[in-house]
Each structure stands twice: as structure tokens, then as C-alpha cells.
N, C-alpha and C. Protein backbone atom coordinates (compact mmCIF):
# COMPACT_ATOMS: atom_id res chain seq x y z
N MET A 1 -65.13 -5.45 114.95
CA MET A 1 -64.91 -5.40 115.98
C MET A 1 -64.25 -4.60 116.47
N SER A 2 -64.77 -4.00 117.99
CA SER A 2 -64.01 -3.02 118.42
C SER A 2 -63.30 -3.92 119.55
N ASP A 3 -62.13 -2.95 119.57
CA ASP A 3 -60.93 -2.96 120.65
C ASP A 3 -61.01 -2.91 122.25
N ILE A 4 -62.18 -2.13 122.48
CA ILE A 4 -62.41 -1.58 123.49
C ILE A 4 -62.65 -2.42 124.40
N THR A 5 -62.62 -2.95 125.84
CA THR A 5 -62.57 -4.23 126.80
C THR A 5 -64.13 -3.48 127.61
N LEU A 6 -64.57 -4.77 128.65
CA LEU A 6 -65.78 -4.24 128.86
C LEU A 6 -65.49 -3.51 129.94
N GLU A 7 -63.93 -3.66 131.04
CA GLU A 7 -64.13 -2.40 131.93
C GLU A 7 -63.59 -1.24 131.17
N GLN A 8 -63.16 -0.84 129.93
CA GLN A 8 -62.63 0.17 129.65
C GLN A 8 -64.59 0.75 129.30
N LEU A 9 -64.97 -0.07 128.84
CA LEU A 9 -66.62 0.57 128.41
C LEU A 9 -67.38 1.07 129.64
N ARG A 10 -67.05 0.14 130.58
CA ARG A 10 -67.91 0.54 131.89
C ARG A 10 -67.29 1.92 132.51
N GLN A 11 -66.06 1.90 132.25
CA GLN A 11 -65.63 3.74 133.04
C GLN A 11 -66.10 4.73 131.85
N LYS A 12 -65.74 4.01 130.58
CA LYS A 12 -66.62 5.21 129.82
C LYS A 12 -68.17 5.70 130.23
N ILE A 13 -68.86 4.46 130.13
CA ILE A 13 -70.36 5.00 130.74
C ILE A 13 -69.91 5.82 132.09
N ARG A 14 -69.64 5.37 132.95
CA ARG A 14 -69.20 6.06 134.49
C ARG A 14 -68.87 7.86 133.92
N ASP A 15 -67.87 7.67 133.37
CA ASP A 15 -67.46 8.93 133.14
C ASP A 15 -68.68 9.78 132.17
N PHE A 16 -69.23 9.29 131.35
CA PHE A 16 -70.14 9.78 130.76
C PHE A 16 -71.40 10.29 131.69
N ALA A 17 -71.98 9.78 132.36
CA ALA A 17 -72.82 9.68 133.67
C ALA A 17 -72.46 11.03 134.49
N ALA A 18 -71.12 10.97 134.80
CA ALA A 18 -70.73 11.87 135.82
C ALA A 18 -70.34 12.92 135.03
N ALA A 19 -70.21 13.08 133.56
CA ALA A 19 -70.02 14.49 133.40
C ALA A 19 -71.31 15.06 133.26
N ARG A 20 -72.42 14.67 133.18
CA ARG A 20 -73.56 15.02 132.99
C ARG A 20 -74.46 15.27 134.56
N ASP A 21 -73.80 14.78 135.27
CA ASP A 21 -74.42 15.03 137.09
C ASP A 21 -75.40 13.69 136.93
N TRP A 22 -75.50 12.79 136.30
CA TRP A 22 -76.51 11.81 136.37
C TRP A 22 -76.63 10.80 137.39
N ASP A 23 -75.45 10.15 137.76
CA ASP A 23 -75.27 9.66 138.89
C ASP A 23 -76.24 9.69 139.77
N GLN A 24 -76.71 11.31 140.34
CA GLN A 24 -77.52 11.02 141.52
C GLN A 24 -78.93 10.09 140.91
N PHE A 25 -79.77 9.87 139.31
CA PHE A 25 -80.37 9.19 139.24
C PHE A 25 -80.53 7.82 138.26
N HIS A 26 -78.88 7.36 138.96
CA HIS A 26 -78.41 6.12 138.29
C HIS A 26 -78.48 5.03 139.82
N SER A 27 -79.65 5.25 140.51
CA SER A 27 -79.66 3.69 141.10
C SER A 27 -80.47 2.69 140.31
N PRO A 28 -79.76 1.44 141.32
CA PRO A 28 -79.84 -0.15 140.48
C PRO A 28 -81.50 -0.04 140.35
N LYS A 29 -82.46 0.67 140.58
CA LYS A 29 -83.98 0.57 140.46
C LYS A 29 -84.16 1.02 139.39
N ASN A 30 -83.73 2.58 139.53
CA ASN A 30 -84.22 3.42 138.20
C ASN A 30 -83.49 2.29 136.85
N LEU A 31 -82.09 2.48 136.76
CA LEU A 31 -81.49 1.81 135.73
C LEU A 31 -82.23 0.39 135.32
N SER A 32 -82.60 -0.40 136.56
CA SER A 32 -83.35 -1.40 136.07
C SER A 32 -84.63 -1.13 135.22
N MET A 33 -85.09 -0.18 135.59
CA MET A 33 -86.46 0.02 135.23
C MET A 33 -86.03 0.39 133.79
N ALA A 34 -85.11 1.41 133.69
CA ALA A 34 -84.64 1.98 131.96
C ALA A 34 -84.51 0.99 131.24
N MET A 35 -84.03 -0.24 131.76
CA MET A 35 -83.54 -1.25 130.78
C MET A 35 -84.72 -1.98 130.22
N ILE A 36 -85.37 -2.02 131.32
CA ILE A 36 -86.57 -2.82 130.89
C ILE A 36 -87.51 -2.23 129.76
N VAL A 37 -87.34 -1.38 130.06
CA VAL A 37 -88.21 0.01 128.65
C VAL A 37 -87.63 -0.45 127.42
N GLU A 38 -86.44 -0.37 127.59
CA GLU A 38 -85.26 -0.55 126.29
C GLU A 38 -85.90 -1.85 125.74
N ALA A 39 -85.81 -2.82 126.71
CA ALA A 39 -86.14 -4.06 126.50
C ALA A 39 -87.28 -4.21 125.65
N ALA A 40 -88.65 -3.64 126.31
CA ALA A 40 -89.51 -3.53 125.57
C ALA A 40 -89.68 -2.93 124.24
N GLU A 41 -88.75 -1.66 123.98
CA GLU A 41 -88.41 -1.09 122.50
C GLU A 41 -88.10 -1.87 121.80
N LEU A 42 -87.18 -2.95 122.39
CA LEU A 42 -86.23 -3.99 121.30
C LEU A 42 -87.39 -5.11 121.08
N VAL A 43 -88.27 -5.37 121.74
CA VAL A 43 -88.99 -6.36 121.52
C VAL A 43 -90.58 -5.60 120.21
N GLU A 44 -90.48 -4.93 120.68
CA GLU A 44 -91.77 -4.08 119.62
C GLU A 44 -91.17 -4.06 118.22
N HIS A 45 -89.87 -4.12 117.77
CA HIS A 45 -89.71 -4.35 116.64
C HIS A 45 -89.62 -5.69 116.03
N PHE A 46 -90.05 -6.65 116.60
CA PHE A 46 -90.31 -8.25 116.38
C PHE A 46 -91.75 -8.29 116.36
N GLN A 47 -92.63 -7.76 117.61
CA GLN A 47 -93.75 -7.96 117.34
C GLN A 47 -95.04 -7.93 116.08
N TRP A 48 -95.66 -9.16 115.78
CA TRP A 48 -96.08 -9.47 114.31
C TRP A 48 -95.08 -10.16 113.50
N LEU A 49 -94.20 -10.28 113.74
CA LEU A 49 -93.52 -10.58 112.54
C LEU A 49 -93.17 -12.26 112.47
N THR A 50 -93.16 -12.80 111.79
CA THR A 50 -92.70 -14.51 111.44
C THR A 50 -91.50 -14.56 111.98
N GLU A 51 -91.21 -15.50 112.47
CA GLU A 51 -89.68 -16.30 112.70
C GLU A 51 -89.12 -15.84 111.69
N GLU A 52 -89.29 -16.26 110.37
CA GLU A 52 -88.21 -16.15 109.06
C GLU A 52 -88.26 -14.31 109.15
N GLN A 53 -89.11 -13.69 109.16
CA GLN A 53 -89.30 -12.47 109.10
C GLN A 53 -88.10 -11.58 110.09
N SER A 54 -88.36 -12.30 111.07
CA SER A 54 -87.53 -11.73 112.35
C SER A 54 -85.67 -11.83 112.09
N HIS A 55 -85.21 -13.09 111.09
CA HIS A 55 -84.30 -13.22 111.31
C HIS A 55 -83.56 -12.67 109.55
N SER A 56 -84.51 -11.92 109.03
CA SER A 56 -83.88 -11.04 108.21
C SER A 56 -84.88 -9.50 107.99
N LEU A 57 -84.32 -8.66 109.00
CA LEU A 57 -84.69 -7.94 108.98
C LEU A 57 -84.39 -6.70 107.87
N PRO A 58 -84.98 -5.73 107.06
CA PRO A 58 -84.56 -4.62 106.22
C PRO A 58 -83.85 -4.10 107.29
N ASP A 59 -82.49 -3.06 106.40
CA ASP A 59 -81.30 -2.45 106.83
C ASP A 59 -81.83 -1.26 107.77
N ASP A 60 -82.65 -0.75 107.49
CA ASP A 60 -83.20 0.39 108.57
C ASP A 60 -83.74 -0.54 109.92
N LYS A 61 -84.37 -1.24 109.81
CA LYS A 61 -84.85 -1.86 111.14
C LYS A 61 -83.91 -2.34 111.73
N ARG A 62 -83.07 -3.09 111.62
CA ARG A 62 -81.83 -3.72 111.79
C ARG A 62 -81.05 -2.55 112.52
N ASP A 63 -80.84 -1.19 112.01
CA ASP A 63 -80.06 -0.44 112.78
C ASP A 63 -80.90 0.14 114.03
N GLU A 64 -82.09 0.09 113.91
CA GLU A 64 -83.22 0.28 115.23
C GLU A 64 -82.83 -0.49 116.53
N VAL A 65 -82.73 -1.99 115.87
CA VAL A 65 -82.54 -2.75 116.59
C VAL A 65 -81.25 -2.70 117.48
N GLU A 66 -80.25 -2.37 116.42
CA GLU A 66 -78.71 -2.52 117.19
C GLU A 66 -78.43 -1.50 118.19
N ASN A 67 -79.50 -0.50 117.80
CA ASN A 67 -79.38 0.86 118.62
C ASN A 67 -80.40 0.47 120.05
N GLU A 68 -81.26 -0.57 120.29
CA GLU A 68 -82.11 -0.72 121.34
C GLU A 68 -81.31 -1.75 121.73
N LEU A 69 -80.30 -2.79 121.12
CA LEU A 69 -79.67 -3.29 122.21
C LEU A 69 -78.51 -2.56 122.85
N ALA A 70 -78.18 -1.83 122.03
CA ALA A 70 -77.04 -1.02 122.59
C ALA A 70 -77.68 -0.56 123.75
N ASP A 71 -78.73 0.07 123.68
CA ASP A 71 -79.13 0.88 125.21
C ASP A 71 -79.41 0.00 126.27
N ILE A 72 -79.63 -1.26 125.89
CA ILE A 72 -79.81 -2.34 126.90
C ILE A 72 -78.41 -2.56 127.61
N PHE A 73 -77.80 -2.89 126.68
CA PHE A 73 -76.07 -3.47 126.91
C PHE A 73 -75.69 -2.25 128.00
N LEU A 74 -75.85 -0.99 127.67
CA LEU A 74 -75.20 0.39 128.13
C LEU A 74 -75.92 0.37 129.86
N TYR A 75 -77.19 0.07 129.96
CA TYR A 75 -77.92 -0.11 131.13
C TYR A 75 -77.18 -0.88 131.86
N LEU A 76 -77.34 -1.95 131.27
CA LEU A 76 -76.99 -3.30 132.10
C LEU A 76 -75.30 -3.18 132.83
N ILE A 77 -74.62 -2.69 131.82
CA ILE A 77 -73.22 -2.39 132.21
C ILE A 77 -73.48 -1.73 133.74
N ARG A 78 -74.18 -0.34 133.69
CA ARG A 78 -74.08 0.68 134.57
C ARG A 78 -74.74 -0.12 136.11
N ILE A 79 -75.86 -0.70 135.61
CA ILE A 79 -76.04 -1.64 136.92
C ILE A 79 -75.47 -2.40 137.60
N ALA A 80 -74.89 -3.19 136.74
CA ALA A 80 -73.51 -4.12 137.09
C ALA A 80 -72.41 -3.15 138.13
N ASP A 81 -72.26 -2.39 137.53
CA ASP A 81 -71.20 -1.10 137.95
C ASP A 81 -71.81 -0.60 139.32
N LYS A 82 -72.91 -0.08 139.29
CA LYS A 82 -73.34 0.21 140.64
C LYS A 82 -73.56 -0.68 141.63
N LEU A 83 -73.57 -2.03 141.30
CA LEU A 83 -73.80 -3.27 142.55
C LEU A 83 -72.82 -3.74 142.68
N ASP A 84 -71.63 -3.39 141.74
CA ASP A 84 -70.03 -3.93 141.70
C ASP A 84 -70.23 -5.64 141.56
N ILE A 85 -71.06 -5.68 140.29
CA ILE A 85 -70.81 -7.14 140.19
C ILE A 85 -70.28 -7.18 138.52
N ASP A 86 -69.44 -8.26 138.47
CA ASP A 86 -68.41 -8.77 137.49
C ASP A 86 -69.27 -9.28 136.52
N LEU A 87 -69.48 -8.61 135.70
CA LEU A 87 -70.39 -9.27 134.30
C LEU A 87 -69.82 -10.51 133.78
N LEU A 88 -68.71 -10.21 133.53
CA LEU A 88 -68.00 -11.59 132.77
C LEU A 88 -68.15 -12.81 133.76
N ASN A 89 -67.59 -12.61 134.72
CA ASN A 89 -67.60 -13.40 136.18
C ASN A 89 -69.10 -14.19 136.42
N ALA A 90 -69.80 -13.48 136.40
CA ALA A 90 -71.43 -13.84 136.36
C ALA A 90 -71.94 -14.44 135.54
N ALA A 91 -71.35 -13.97 133.98
CA ALA A 91 -71.92 -14.89 133.26
C ALA A 91 -71.17 -16.35 133.01
N ASN A 92 -70.32 -16.66 133.37
CA ASN A 92 -69.40 -17.74 133.19
C ASN A 92 -70.05 -18.08 133.91
N ASN A 93 -70.11 -17.64 135.63
CA ASN A 93 -70.60 -18.77 136.72
C ASN A 93 -72.21 -19.21 136.26
N LYS A 94 -73.09 -18.66 135.47
CA LYS A 94 -74.31 -18.94 135.32
C LYS A 94 -74.26 -19.97 133.86
N ILE A 95 -73.48 -19.95 133.22
CA ILE A 95 -72.83 -20.86 131.79
C ILE A 95 -72.81 -22.10 132.84
N LYS A 96 -71.87 -22.34 133.63
CA LYS A 96 -71.75 -23.53 134.67
C LYS A 96 -72.98 -23.85 134.91
N ILE A 97 -74.08 -23.02 135.80
CA ILE A 97 -75.13 -23.31 136.69
C ILE A 97 -76.24 -24.07 135.44
N ASN A 98 -75.89 -23.41 134.58
CA ASN A 98 -77.20 -24.04 133.51
C ASN A 98 -76.82 -25.25 132.74
N ALA A 99 -75.24 -25.21 132.65
CA ALA A 99 -75.00 -26.89 132.28
C ALA A 99 -75.15 -27.95 133.07
N GLU A 100 -75.17 -27.33 134.51
CA GLU A 100 -76.03 -28.72 135.43
C GLU A 100 -77.35 -28.56 135.32
N LYS A 101 -77.96 -27.75 135.54
CA LYS A 101 -78.95 -27.92 135.06
C LYS A 101 -80.06 -28.01 133.80
N TYR A 102 -79.18 -28.24 132.27
CA TYR A 102 -79.26 -28.77 131.55
C TYR A 102 -78.26 -29.35 130.74
N PRO A 103 -78.09 -30.57 131.05
CA PRO A 103 -77.20 -31.21 130.66
C PRO A 103 -77.56 -31.69 129.10
N ALA A 104 -76.62 -31.61 128.25
CA ALA A 104 -76.89 -31.64 126.80
C ALA A 104 -77.57 -33.00 126.52
N ASP A 105 -76.92 -33.89 126.85
CA ASP A 105 -77.53 -35.39 126.67
C ASP A 105 -78.84 -35.60 127.10
N LYS A 106 -79.62 -34.93 127.79
CA LYS A 106 -80.70 -35.06 128.60
C LYS A 106 -81.78 -33.90 127.35
N VAL A 107 -81.53 -32.62 127.29
CA VAL A 107 -82.46 -31.89 126.91
C VAL A 107 -81.94 -31.51 125.36
N ARG A 108 -81.04 -32.29 124.64
CA ARG A 108 -80.72 -31.89 123.55
C ARG A 108 -82.21 -31.89 122.46
N GLY A 109 -82.42 -30.84 121.90
CA GLY A 109 -83.64 -30.42 120.83
C GLY A 109 -84.64 -29.97 121.38
N SER A 110 -84.50 -30.09 123.05
CA SER A 110 -86.01 -29.57 123.82
C SER A 110 -85.94 -28.20 124.44
N ALA A 111 -86.93 -27.84 124.31
CA ALA A 111 -86.91 -26.04 124.88
C ALA A 111 -87.83 -26.61 126.23
N LYS A 112 -87.87 -27.66 126.91
CA LYS A 112 -88.43 -27.98 128.25
C LYS A 112 -87.91 -27.36 129.35
N LYS A 113 -88.42 -26.90 130.46
CA LYS A 113 -87.56 -26.05 131.57
C LYS A 113 -87.19 -27.33 131.92
N TYR A 114 -86.00 -27.34 133.26
CA TYR A 114 -85.12 -27.90 133.96
C TYR A 114 -86.08 -29.29 134.67
N ASN A 115 -87.03 -28.47 135.24
CA ASN A 115 -87.58 -29.43 135.96
C ASN A 115 -88.89 -29.94 135.35
N GLU A 116 -88.77 -30.12 133.96
CA GLU A 116 -89.88 -30.74 133.30
C GLU A 116 -89.35 -32.15 132.37
N TYR A 117 -88.37 -32.05 132.51
CA TYR A 117 -87.34 -33.25 132.27
C TYR A 117 -86.96 -34.56 132.98
């Protein structure tokens, strides 16, 4: 487990981009497109696997998945930074919204969407 905070990681990514003069390319549009490309690369690792196989990846495959997740996470943090969005606050707010939309007593064990129950 890392001792780095989300804010420290955000600054580290900001500094990394600045040192390479990449800020000019890091619009929310470009970053979101790059993030979805990385998400597609993540999905590719699970394509055609069974549910069971997806839970027990070989070490080399797991390392590749770890790298794809890191890419997605870094782009997500960078987009949030560019739009001045507090990701922890946004996530907490979304959990509250989802708790209202999906009350545990109504949806336990169901994959239905909130407007289907």
C-alpha cells in the first residue's frame, strides 16, 4: 500500500506533464479519449475469458492488467485536475446518490437498473 495521497499523486502527474511540455495536449477532451483507449486495452485482457478465468489471471496477465488500470487511473486524475473536480468528494457524493437510487432492501441480489424495480 502506498503512503501517497491523491492530492500528492495529482501534483506528481501535473509536474510530470509540465516537465515534458504536455500540458498543451492535455485538454479534458484529449485526456478522456486517451482514458477510454486505455479502458479498451483493459477490456481486451478479459475478452473471451470465462467468469472463473477472469478471477484467476496468470501473473504476467495480472501485471498487464495492473498497468492498464494505472493508465486509466492516471488519466482520470489528470482530467479531474484539469476540470478542478475533487474526485474523493465526487465519489462520496455518487455513493450517496446510488444509495438513494438503489436501496439495499429493494435491490439486494438484483442487477436491475433503478427504473426497473
